[in-house]
Structure formats: C-alpha cells, structure tokens
PDB file of N, CA and C in Angstrom:
ATOM      1  N   MET A   1      -5.783 -14.783   4.927  1.00  0.00           N
ATOM      2  CA  MET A   1      -4.806 -14.657   3.864  1.00  0.00           C
ATOM      3  C   MET A   1      -5.062 -13.354   3.109  1.00  0.00           C
ATOM      4  N   LEU A   2      -3.988 -12.629   2.824  1.00  0.00           N
ATOM      5  CA  LEU A   2      -4.116 -11.318   2.205  1.00  0.00           C
ATOM      6  C   LEU A   2      -4.259 -11.360   0.690  1.00  0.00           C
ATOM      7  N   ASN A   3      -3.675 -12.346   0.049  1.00  0.00           N
ATOM      8  CA  ASN A   3      -3.737 -12.478  -1.407  1.00  0.00           C
ATOM      9  C   ASN A   3      -3.223 -11.247  -2.138  1.00  0.00           C
ATOM     10  N   LEU A   4      -2.122 -10.675  -1.669  1.00  0.00           N
ATOM     11  CA  LEU A   4      -1.511  -9.551  -2.358  1.00  0.00           C
ATOM     12  C   LEU A   4      -0.499 -10.070  -3.379  1.00  0.00           C
ATOM     13  N   LYS A   5      -0.472  -9.443  -4.547  1.00  0.00           N
ATOM     14  CA  LYS A   5       0.490  -9.822  -5.577  1.00  0.00           C
ATOM     15  C   LYS A   5       1.760  -8.982  -5.505  1.00  0.00           C
ATOM     16  N   TYR A   6       1.689  -7.874  -4.763  1.00  0.00           N
ATOM     17  CA  TYR A   6       2.801  -6.949  -4.654  1.00  0.00           C
ATOM     18  C   TYR A   6       2.963  -6.533  -3.196  1.00  0.00           C
ATOM     19  N   SER A   7       4.175  -6.132  -2.831  1.00  0.00           N
ATOM     20  CA  SER A   7       4.432  -5.678  -1.466  1.00  0.00           C
ATOM     21  C   SER A   7       3.657  -4.397  -1.183  1.00  0.00           C
ATOM     22  N   LEU A   8       3.440  -4.147   0.102  1.00  0.00           N
ATOM     23  CA  LEU A   8       2.650  -3.000   0.524  1.00  0.00           C
ATOM     24  C   LEU A   8       3.301  -2.363   1.746  1.00  0.00           C
ATOM     25  N   VAL A   9       3.331  -1.030   1.757  1.00  0.00           N
ATOM     26  CA  VAL A   9       3.808  -0.276   2.914  1.00  0.00           C
ATOM     27  C   VAL A   9       2.630   0.566   3.410  1.00  0.00           C
ATOM     28  N   ILE A  10       2.324   0.432   4.702  1.00  0.00           N
ATOM     29  CA  ILE A  10       1.266   1.219   5.339  1.00  0.00           C
ATOM     30  C   ILE A  10       1.939   2.117   6.358  1.00  0.00           C
ATOM     31  N   GLU A  11       1.642   3.418   6.280  1.00  0.00           N
ATOM     32  CA  GLU A  11       2.270   4.378   7.184  1.00  0.00           C
ATOM     33  C   GLU A  11       1.220   5.119   8.002  1.00  0.00           C
ATOM     34  N   ALA A  12       1.484   5.236   9.298  1.00  0.00           N
ATOM     35  CA  ALA A  12       0.634   6.067  10.148  1.00  0.00           C
ATOM     36  C   ALA A  12       0.812   7.517   9.710  1.00  0.00           C
ATOM     37  N   THR A  13      -0.222   8.309   9.891  1.00  0.00           N
ATOM     38  CA  THR A  13      -0.132   9.739   9.577  1.00  0.00           C
ATOM     39  C   THR A  13      -0.277  10.525  10.878  1.00  0.00           C
ATOM     40  N   GLU A  14      -0.143  11.830  10.779  1.00  0.00           N
ATOM     41  CA  GLU A  14      -0.323  12.655  11.975  1.00  0.00           C
ATOM     42  C   GLU A  14      -1.749  12.574  12.496  1.00  0.00           C
ATOM     43  N   ASP A  15      -2.686  12.301  11.613  1.00  0.00           N
ATOM     44  CA  ASP A  15      -4.092  12.112  12.007  1.00  0.00           C
ATOM     45  C   ASP A  15      -4.264  10.650  12.411  1.00  0.00           C
ATOM     46  N   PRO A  16      -4.591  10.376  13.670  1.00  0.00           N
ATOM     47  CA  PRO A  16      -4.692   8.988  14.124  1.00  0.00           C
ATOM     48  C   PRO A  16      -5.822   8.189  13.465  1.00  0.00           C
ATOM     49  N   HIS A  17      -6.652   8.846  12.668  1.00  0.00           N
ATOM     50  CA  HIS A  17      -7.768   8.163  12.017  1.00  0.00           C
ATOM     51  C   HIS A  17      -7.486   7.803  10.562  1.00  0.00           C
ATOM     52  N   PHE A  18      -6.281   8.087  10.079  1.00  0.00           N
ATOM     53  CA  PHE A  18      -5.955   7.797   8.684  1.00  0.00           C
ATOM     54  C   PHE A  18      -4.565   7.196   8.550  1.00  0.00           C
ATOM     55  N   PHE A  19      -4.435   6.302   7.612  1.00  0.00           N
ATOM     56  CA  PHE A  19      -3.172   5.679   7.255  1.00  0.00           C
ATOM     57  C   PHE A  19      -2.981   5.860   5.757  1.00  0.00           C
ATOM     58  N   ALA A  20      -1.738   6.030   5.336  1.00  0.00           N
ATOM     59  CA  ALA A  20      -1.413   6.106   3.913  1.00  0.00           C
ATOM     60  C   ALA A  20      -0.766   4.782   3.519  1.00  0.00           C
ATOM     61  N   PHE A  21      -0.964   4.369   2.267  1.00  0.00           N
ATOM     62  CA  PHE A  21      -0.298   3.155   1.809  1.00  0.00           C
ATOM     63  C   PHE A  21       0.160   3.303   0.368  1.00  0.00           C
ATOM     64  N   TYR A  22       1.164   2.489   0.023  1.00  0.00           N
ATOM     65  CA  TYR A  22       1.684   2.436  -1.351  1.00  0.00           C
ATOM     66  C   TYR A  22       2.375   1.102  -1.560  1.00  0.00           C
ATOM     67  N   SER A  23       2.618   0.793  -2.815  1.00  0.00           N
ATOM     68  CA  SER A  23       3.350  -0.426  -3.135  1.00  0.00           C
ATOM     69  C   SER A  23       4.671  -0.059  -3.779  1.00  0.00           C
ATOM     70  N   PRO A  24       5.796  -0.484  -3.188  1.00  0.00           N
ATOM     71  CA  PRO A  24       7.087  -0.226  -3.808  1.00  0.00           C
ATOM     72  C   PRO A  24       7.279  -1.032  -5.099  1.00  0.00           C
ATOM     73  N   ASP A  25       6.445  -2.044  -5.302  1.00  0.00           N
ATOM     74  CA  ASP A  25       6.534  -2.895  -6.491  1.00  0.00           C
ATOM     75  C   ASP A  25       5.672  -2.400  -7.645  1.00  0.00           C
ATOM     76  N   LEU A  26       4.700  -1.551  -7.358  1.00  0.00           N
ATOM     77  CA  LEU A  26       3.685  -1.178  -8.338  1.00  0.00           C
ATOM     78  C   LEU A  26       3.632   0.347  -8.436  1.00  0.00           C
ATOM     79  N   GLY A  27       4.452   0.896  -9.316  1.00  0.00           N
ATOM     80  CA  GLY A  27       4.588   2.338  -9.449  1.00  0.00           C
ATOM     81  C   GLY A  27       3.253   3.058  -9.605  1.00  0.00           C
ATOM     82  N   GLY A  28       3.114   4.166  -8.891  1.00  0.00           N
ATOM     83  CA  GLY A  28       1.920   4.984  -8.990  1.00  0.00           C
ATOM     84  C   GLY A  28       0.753   4.531  -8.141  1.00  0.00           C
ATOM     85  N   PHE A  29       0.901   3.425  -7.437  1.00  0.00           N
ATOM     86  CA  PHE A  29      -0.204   2.914  -6.626  1.00  0.00           C
ATOM     87  C   PHE A  29      -0.103   3.449  -5.206  1.00  0.00           C
ATOM     88  N   THR A  30      -1.096   4.239  -4.795  1.00  0.00           N
ATOM     89  CA  THR A  30      -1.155   4.782  -3.438  1.00  0.00           C
ATOM     90  C   THR A  30      -2.608   4.827  -2.980  1.00  0.00           C
ATOM     91  N   GLY A  31      -2.803   5.036  -1.692  1.00  0.00           N
ATOM     92  CA  GLY A  31      -4.157   5.192  -1.186  1.00  0.00           C
ATOM     93  C   GLY A  31      -4.146   5.515   0.286  1.00  0.00           C
ATOM     94  N   THR A  32      -5.338   5.635   0.850  1.00  0.00           N
ATOM     95  CA  THR A  32      -5.489   5.891   2.278  1.00  0.00           C
ATOM     96  C   THR A  32      -6.575   4.989   2.850  1.00  0.00           C
ATOM     97  N   GLY A  33      -6.458   4.723   4.139  1.00  0.00           N
ATOM     98  CA  GLY A  33      -7.465   3.935   4.839  1.00  0.00           C
ATOM     99  C   GLY A  33      -7.669   4.506   6.222  1.00  0.00           C
ATOM    100  N   GLN A  34      -8.745   4.093   6.871  1.00  0.00           N
ATOM    101  CA  GLN A  34      -9.054   4.595   8.206  1.00  0.00           C
ATOM    102  C   GLN A  34      -8.466   3.728   9.313  1.00  0.00           C
ATOM    103  N   SER A  35      -7.908   2.597   8.935  1.00  0.00           N
ATOM    104  CA  SER A  35      -7.252   1.701   9.882  1.00  0.00           C
ATOM    105  C   SER A  35      -6.285   0.834   9.081  1.00  0.00           C
ATOM    106  N   ILE A  36      -5.488   0.059   9.778  1.00  0.00           N
ATOM    107  CA  ILE A  36      -4.591  -0.857   9.072  1.00  0.00           C
ATOM    108  C   ILE A  36      -5.415  -1.871   8.285  1.00  0.00           C
ATOM    109  N   GLU A  37      -6.454  -2.412   8.899  1.00  0.00           N
ATOM    110  CA  GLU A  37      -7.298  -3.404   8.242  1.00  0.00           C
ATOM    111  C   GLU A  37      -7.986  -2.806   7.011  1.00  0.00           C
ATOM    112  N   ASP A  38      -8.495  -1.579   7.146  1.00  0.00           N
ATOM    113  CA  ASP A  38      -9.141  -0.894   6.031  1.00  0.00           C
ATOM    114  C   ASP A  38      -8.128  -0.657   4.905  1.00  0.00           C
ATOM    115  N   SER A  39      -6.916  -0.271   5.269  1.00  0.00           N
ATOM    116  CA  SER A  39      -5.863  -0.044   4.274  1.00  0.00           C
ATOM    117  C   SER A  39      -5.539  -1.340   3.521  1.00  0.00           C
ATOM    118  N   LEU A  40      -5.453  -2.439   4.235  1.00  0.00           N
ATOM    119  CA  LEU A  40      -5.179  -3.729   3.586  1.00  0.00           C
ATOM    120  C   LEU A  40      -6.271  -4.086   2.585  1.00  0.00           C
ATOM    121  N   GLU A  41      -7.522  -3.921   2.982  1.00  0.00           N
ATOM    122  CA  GLU A  41      -8.646  -4.248   2.100  1.00  0.00           C
ATOM    123  C   GLU A  41      -8.659  -3.319   0.881  1.00  0.00           C
ATOM    124  N   LYS A  42      -8.500  -2.020   1.116  1.00  0.00           N
ATOM    125  CA  LYS A  42      -8.485  -1.075   0.000  1.00  0.00           C
ATOM    126  C   LYS A  42      -7.306  -1.326  -0.925  1.00  0.00           C
ATOM    127  N   ALA A  43      -6.159  -1.699  -0.369  1.00  0.00           N
ATOM    128  CA  ALA A  43      -4.987  -1.992  -1.194  1.00  0.00           C
ATOM    129  C   ALA A  43      -5.234  -3.228  -2.061  1.00  0.00           C
ATOM    130  N   ARG A  44      -5.820  -4.241  -1.465  1.00  0.00           N
ATOM    131  CA  ARG A  44      -6.056  -5.484  -2.221  1.00  0.00           C
ATOM    132  C   ARG A  44      -6.952  -5.218  -3.430  1.00  0.00           C
ATOM    133  N   THR A  45      -8.045  -4.540  -3.223  1.00  0.00           N
ATOM    134  CA  THR A  45      -8.949  -4.260  -4.344  1.00  0.00           C
ATOM    135  C   THR A  45      -8.382  -3.178  -5.255  1.00  0.00           C
ATOM    136  N   GLY A  46      -7.713  -2.201  -4.653  1.00  0.00           N
ATOM    137  CA  GLY A  46      -7.140  -1.119  -5.439  1.00  0.00           C
ATOM    138  C   GLY A  46      -6.029  -1.579  -6.366  1.00  0.00           C
ATOM    139  N   MET A  47      -5.238  -2.554  -5.936  1.00  0.00           N
ATOM    140  CA  MET A  47      -4.176  -3.075  -6.801  1.00  0.00           C
ATOM    141  C   MET A  47      -4.767  -3.691  -8.059  1.00  0.00           C
ATOM    142  N   GLU A  48      -5.851  -4.422  -7.918  1.00  0.00           N
ATOM    143  CA  GLU A  48      -6.493  -5.040  -9.076  1.00  0.00           C
ATOM    144  C   GLU A  48      -7.011  -3.969 -10.038  1.00  0.00           C
ATOM    145  N   GLU A  49      -7.616  -2.920  -9.485  1.00  0.00           N
ATOM    146  CA  GLU A  49      -8.111  -1.818 -10.328  1.00  0.00           C
ATOM    147  C   GLU A  49      -6.954  -1.094 -11.002  1.00  0.00           C
ATOM    148  N   HIS A  50      -5.864  -0.888 -10.278  1.00  0.00           N
ATOM    149  CA  HIS A  50      -4.685  -0.219 -10.831  1.00  0.00           C
ATOM    150  C   HIS A  50      -4.101  -1.043 -11.982  1.00  0.00           C
ATOM    151  N   LEU A  51      -4.018  -2.346 -11.792  1.00  0.00           N
ATOM    152  CA  LEU A  51      -3.492  -3.228 -12.846  1.00  0.00           C
ATOM    153  C   LEU A  51      -4.397  -3.208 -14.076  1.00  0.00           C
ATOM    154  N   ALA A  52      -5.701  -3.196 -13.881  1.00  0.00           N
ATOM    155  CA  ALA A  52      -6.644  -3.145 -15.006  1.00  0.00           C
ATOM    156  C   ALA A  52      -6.472  -1.846 -15.788  1.00  0.00           C
ATOM    157  N   LEU A  53      -6.284  -0.746 -15.070  1.00  0.00           N
ATOM    158  CA  LEU A  53      -6.071   0.542 -15.725  1.00  0.00           C
ATOM    159  C   LEU A  53      -4.749   0.550 -16.497  1.00  0.00           C
ATOM    160  N   MET A  54      -3.714  -0.012 -15.904  1.00  0.00           N
ATOM    161  CA  MET A  54      -2.425  -0.100 -16.602  1.00  0.00           C
ATOM    162  C   MET A  54      -2.562  -0.929 -17.880  1.00  0.00           C
ATOM    163  N   LYS A  55      -3.273  -2.042 -17.791  1.00  0.00           N
ATOM    164  CA  LYS A  55      -3.477  -2.895 -18.961  1.00  0.00           C
ATOM    165  C   LYS A  55      -4.261  -2.157 -20.032  1.00  0.00           C
ATOM    166  N   GLU A  56      -5.317  -1.454 -19.622  1.00  0.00           N
ATOM    167  CA  GLU A  56      -6.146  -0.692 -20.556  1.00  0.00           C
ATOM    168  C   GLU A  56      -5.319   0.362 -21.290  1.00  0.00           C
ATOM    169  N   ARG A  57      -4.377   0.965 -20.574  1.00  0.00           N
ATOM    170  CA  ARG A  57      -3.534   2.010 -21.160  1.00  0.00           C
ATOM    171  C   ARG A  57      -2.282   1.453 -21.832  1.00  0.00           C
ATOM    172  N   LYS A  58      -2.211   0.124 -21.871  1.00  0.00           N
ATOM    173  CA  LYS A  58      -1.093  -0.578 -22.501  1.00  0.00           C
ATOM    174  C   LYS A  58       0.254  -0.213 -21.867  1.00  0.00           C
ATOM    175  N   LEU A  59       0.248  -0.055 -20.545  1.00  0.00           N
ATOM    176  CA  LEU A  59       1.473   0.209 -19.796  1.00  0.00           C
ATOM    177  C   LEU A  59       2.091  -1.110 -19.357  1.00  0.00           C
ATOM    178  N   ALA A  60       3.403  -1.102 -19.158  1.00  0.00           N
ATOM    179  CA  ALA A  60       4.093  -2.309 -18.702  1.00  0.00           C
ATOM    180  C   ALA A  60       3.627  -2.666 -17.293  1.00  0.00           C
ATOM    181  N   ILE A  61       3.269  -3.910 -17.111  1.00  0.00           N
ATOM    182  CA  ILE A  61       2.802  -4.396 -15.812  1.00  0.00           C
ATOM    183  C   ILE A  61       3.929  -5.193 -15.164  1.00  0.00           C
ATOM    184  N   PRO A  62       4.352  -4.797 -13.961  1.00  0.00           N
ATOM    185  CA  PRO A  62       5.437  -5.528 -13.300  1.00  0.00           C
ATOM    186  C   PRO A  62       4.995  -6.945 -12.926  1.00  0.00           C
ATOM    187  N   SER A  63       5.955  -7.845 -12.950  1.00  0.00           N
ATOM    188  CA  SER A  63       5.672  -9.220 -12.545  1.00  0.00           C
ATOM    189  C   SER A  63       5.281  -9.238 -11.077  1.00  0.00           C
ATOM    190  N   PRO A  64       4.344 -10.112 -10.716  1.00  0.00           N
ATOM    191  CA  PRO A  64       3.976 -10.214  -9.298  1.00  0.00           C
ATOM    192  C   PRO A  64       5.189 -10.568  -8.446  1.00  0.00           C
ATOM    193  N   ASN A  65       5.200 -10.088  -7.232  1.00  0.00           N
ATOM    194  CA  ASN A  65       6.254 -10.389  -6.274  1.00  0.00           C
ATOM    195  C   ASN A  65       5.970 -11.777  -5.707  1.00  0.00           C
ATOM    196  N   LEU A  66       6.921 -12.672  -5.819  1.00  0.00           N
ATOM    197  CA  LEU A  66       6.704 -14.046  -5.340  1.00  0.00           C
ATOM    198  C   LEU A  66       6.654 -14.125  -3.816  1.00  0.00           C
ATOM    199  N   THR A  67       7.238 -13.143  -3.137  1.00  0.00           N
ATOM    200  CA  THR A  67       7.215 -13.107  -1.674  1.00  0.00           C
ATOM    201  C   THR A  67       6.853 -11.696  -1.204  1.00  0.00           C
ATOM    202  N   PRO A  68       5.625 -11.257  -1.486  1.00  0.00           N
ATOM    203  CA  PRO A  68       5.246  -9.899  -1.090  1.00  0.00           C
ATOM    204  C   PRO A  68       5.233  -9.741   0.420  1.00  0.00           C
ATOM    205  N   THR A  69       5.577  -8.546   0.864  1.00  0.00           N
ATOM    206  CA  THR A  69       5.578  -8.256   2.291  1.00  0.00           C
ATOM    207  C   THR A  69       4.636  -7.091   2.575  1.00  0.00           C
ATOM    208  N   VAL A  70       4.179  -7.016   3.808  1.00  0.00           N
ATOM    209  CA  VAL A  70       3.415  -5.866   4.284  1.00  0.00           C
ATOM    210  C   VAL A  70       4.247  -5.246   5.405  1.00  0.00           C
ATOM    211  N   THR A  71       4.592  -3.982   5.228  1.00  0.00           N
ATOM    212  CA  THR A  71       5.373  -3.251   6.215  1.00  0.00           C
ATOM    213  C   THR A  71       4.497  -2.145   6.794  1.00  0.00           C
ATOM    214  N   ILE A  72       4.467  -2.064   8.108  1.00  0.00           N
ATOM    215  CA  ILE A  72       3.683  -1.028   8.776  1.00  0.00           C
ATOM    216  C   ILE A  72       4.664  -0.095   9.476  1.00  0.00           C
ATOM    217  N   LYS A  73       4.566   1.198   9.133  1.00  0.00           N
ATOM    218  CA  LYS A  73       5.495   2.185   9.677  1.00  0.00           C
ATOM    219  C   LYS A  73       4.747   3.233  10.493  1.00  0.00           C
ATOM    220  N   ASP A  74       5.382   3.661  11.558  1.00  0.00           N
ATOM    221  CA  ASP A  74       4.878   4.773  12.347  1.00  0.00           C
ATOM    222  C   ASP A  74       5.715   5.976  11.946  1.00  0.00           C
ATOM    223  N   THR A  75       5.114   6.947  11.303  1.00  0.00           N
ATOM    224  CA  THR A  75       5.876   8.080  10.786  1.00  0.00           C
ATOM    225  C   THR A  75       5.897   9.269  11.729  1.00  0.00           C
ATOM    226  N   ARG A  76       5.408   9.085  12.941  1.00  0.00           N
ATOM    227  CA  ARG A  76       5.465  10.190  13.910  1.00  0.00           C
ATOM    228  C   ARG A  76       6.923  10.475  14.252  1.00  0.00           C
ATOM    229  N   PRO A  77       7.277  11.744  14.461  1.00  0.00           N
ATOM    230  CA  PRO A  77       8.661  12.076  14.805  1.00  0.00           C
ATOM    231  C   PRO A  77       9.065  11.452  16.141  1.00  0.00           C
ATOM    232  N   VAL A  78      10.308  11.046  16.233  1.00  0.00           N
ATOM    233  CA  VAL A  78      10.859  10.483  17.460  1.00  0.00           C
ATOM    234  C   VAL A  78      11.291  11.633  18.348  1.00  0.00           C
ATOM    235  N   ARG A  79      10.895  11.582  19.605  1.00  0.00           N
ATOM    236  CA  ARG A  79      11.284  12.630  20.559  1.00  0.00           C
ATOM    237  C   ARG A  79      12.690  12.338  21.079  1.00  0.00           C
ATOM    238  N   GLN A  80      13.511  13.350  21.094  1.00  0.00           N
ATOM    239  CA  GLN A  80      14.859  13.221  21.627  1.00  0.00           C
ATOM    240  C   GLN A  80      14.806  13.186  23.153  1.00  0.00           C
ATOM    241  N   GLY A  81      15.557  12.294  23.760  1.00  0.00           N
ATOM    242  CA  GLY A  81      15.636  12.219  25.207  1.00  0.00           C
ATOM    243  C   GLY A  81      14.430  11.599  25.884  1.00  0.00           C
ATOM    244  N   ALA A  82      13.537  11.012  25.102  1.00  0.00           N
ATOM    245  CA  ALA A  82      12.337  10.415  25.705  1.00  0.00           C
ATOM    246  C   ALA A  82      12.577   8.979  26.051  1.00  0.00           C
TER     247      ALA A  82
END
C-alpha cells in the first residue's frame, strides 16, 4: 500500500537512471528518484515534509485527494514511422 494523500506523476527522463516526479494536487512538490520504486518512496516521505513546511509557513494546505492516482509517463520522444 502506498499511503499517498495526493496524486503523483512519475516521468522517465532522458537519463535511464533517473525519474522526475510531482504532484498535481500539491503545488510546488517535485523530486527525483533513481527508479520508479525509489520515486514512490521519496514522494511519500517528501509529501509529508512538504506539508510540514507549508504548515510552518502558514500556507494553505490542499485537502487530501480521496482517490489519489499514480501515473507513470515515458517522456522519450516518439519516433515517426517506427
């Protein structure tokens, strides 16, 4: 179980050893991981740290997403005619 409070998008990068991630529900939250699994773990802990920082700075905290999703995207360009 992932226990995410917000949706997450993980994108492949041109470097096969790194993935970028962000939450469309949680403004300003981004990060990188060395694998999809690493990205999920870093996102889970990073979201909690991001929320704590937002609270400390008295910023508005979005309500948790009741049905968060994880989307994995391959951002490599599509070859024409392949």
